[in-house]
Amino acid sequence: MGNADIEPRCLDTKQAAAYLGLSTKTFRRLELNGEMPRPILIAKRKKLWDKQELDSLIDGLKGF
């Protein structure tokens, strides 16, 4: 099994925005407003978002 076969659990900003169907700019604005789950910080500057937390965010919005 090569790396291409592995589905990542964590996504960078661009991937997380695309996963939610948002532009990167909108995703960053929502993050700054505290409307996104908190990212996992890797090596001080690398932010990753857990797909499970993004899924939970969407699940919570379904009744809105």
Protein backbone atom coordinates (compact mmCIF):
# COMPACT_ATOMS: atom_id res chain seq x y z
CA MET A 1 0.00 0.00 0.00
CA GLY A 2 1.52 3.31 -1.11
CA ASN A 3 0.93 6.78 0.30
CA ALA A 4 -1.58 7.50 -2.48
CA ASP A 5 -3.81 4.79 -0.96
CA ILE A 6 -3.93 6.45 2.46
CA GLU A 7 -6.89 8.72 3.16
CA PRO A 8 -5.61 11.53 5.41
CA ARG A 9 -7.56 12.22 8.59
CA CYS A 10 -6.17 15.73 8.95
CA LEU A 11 -6.37 18.43 6.31
CA ASP A 12 -4.42 21.63 5.78
CA THR A 13 -6.29 24.93 5.38
CA LYS A 14 -6.78 24.67 1.62
CA GLN A 15 -7.94 21.05 1.84
CA ALA A 16 -10.26 21.74 4.80
CA ALA A 17 -11.87 24.65 2.95
CA ALA A 18 -12.40 22.50 -0.14
CA TYR A 19 -13.74 19.65 2.01
CA LEU A 20 -16.43 22.01 3.32
CA GLY A 21 -17.08 23.56 -0.09
CA LEU A 22 -15.70 26.94 0.97
CA SER A 23 -13.09 29.27 -0.44
CA THR A 24 -9.87 29.47 1.56
CA LYS A 25 -10.65 33.14 2.30
CA THR A 26 -14.07 32.29 3.74
CA PHE A 27 -12.63 29.39 5.75
CA ARG A 28 -9.96 31.67 7.27
CA ARG A 29 -12.57 34.33 8.11
CA LEU A 30 -14.73 31.75 9.87
CA GLU A 31 -11.66 30.46 11.71
CA LEU A 32 -10.78 33.96 12.92
CA ASN A 33 -14.39 34.44 14.07
CA GLY A 34 -14.20 31.21 16.10
CA GLU A 35 -16.72 29.41 13.89
CA MET A 36 -14.38 26.57 12.91
CA PRO A 37 -13.05 23.81 15.16
CA ARG A 38 -9.67 24.55 16.66
CA PRO A 39 -6.82 23.34 14.47
CA ILE A 40 -4.06 20.98 15.48
CA LEU A 41 -0.80 22.93 15.49
CA ILE A 42 2.20 21.14 14.04
CA ALA A 43 5.68 22.68 14.12
CA LYS A 44 4.39 26.09 15.36
CA ARG A 45 3.04 27.29 12.00
CA LYS A 46 1.41 24.26 10.36
CA LYS A 47 -2.32 24.05 11.06
CA LEU A 48 -4.28 20.88 10.42
CA TRP A 49 -7.99 20.22 10.82
CA ASP A 50 -9.38 16.86 11.87
CA LYS A 51 -11.98 15.69 9.33
CA GLN A 52 -14.06 14.18 12.13
CA GLU A 53 -14.37 17.61 13.76
CA LEU A 54 -15.27 19.18 10.41
CA ASP A 55 -17.91 16.47 9.94
CA SER A 56 -19.29 17.24 13.41
CA LEU A 57 -19.49 20.92 12.50
CA ILE A 58 -21.55 20.07 9.40
CA ASP A 59 -23.74 17.65 11.38
CA GLY A 60 -24.49 20.45 13.85
CA LEU A 61 -25.53 22.80 11.05
CA LYS A 62 -27.96 20.37 9.41
CA GLY A 63 -30.86 21.47 11.61
CA PHE A 64 -30.08 25.18 11.17
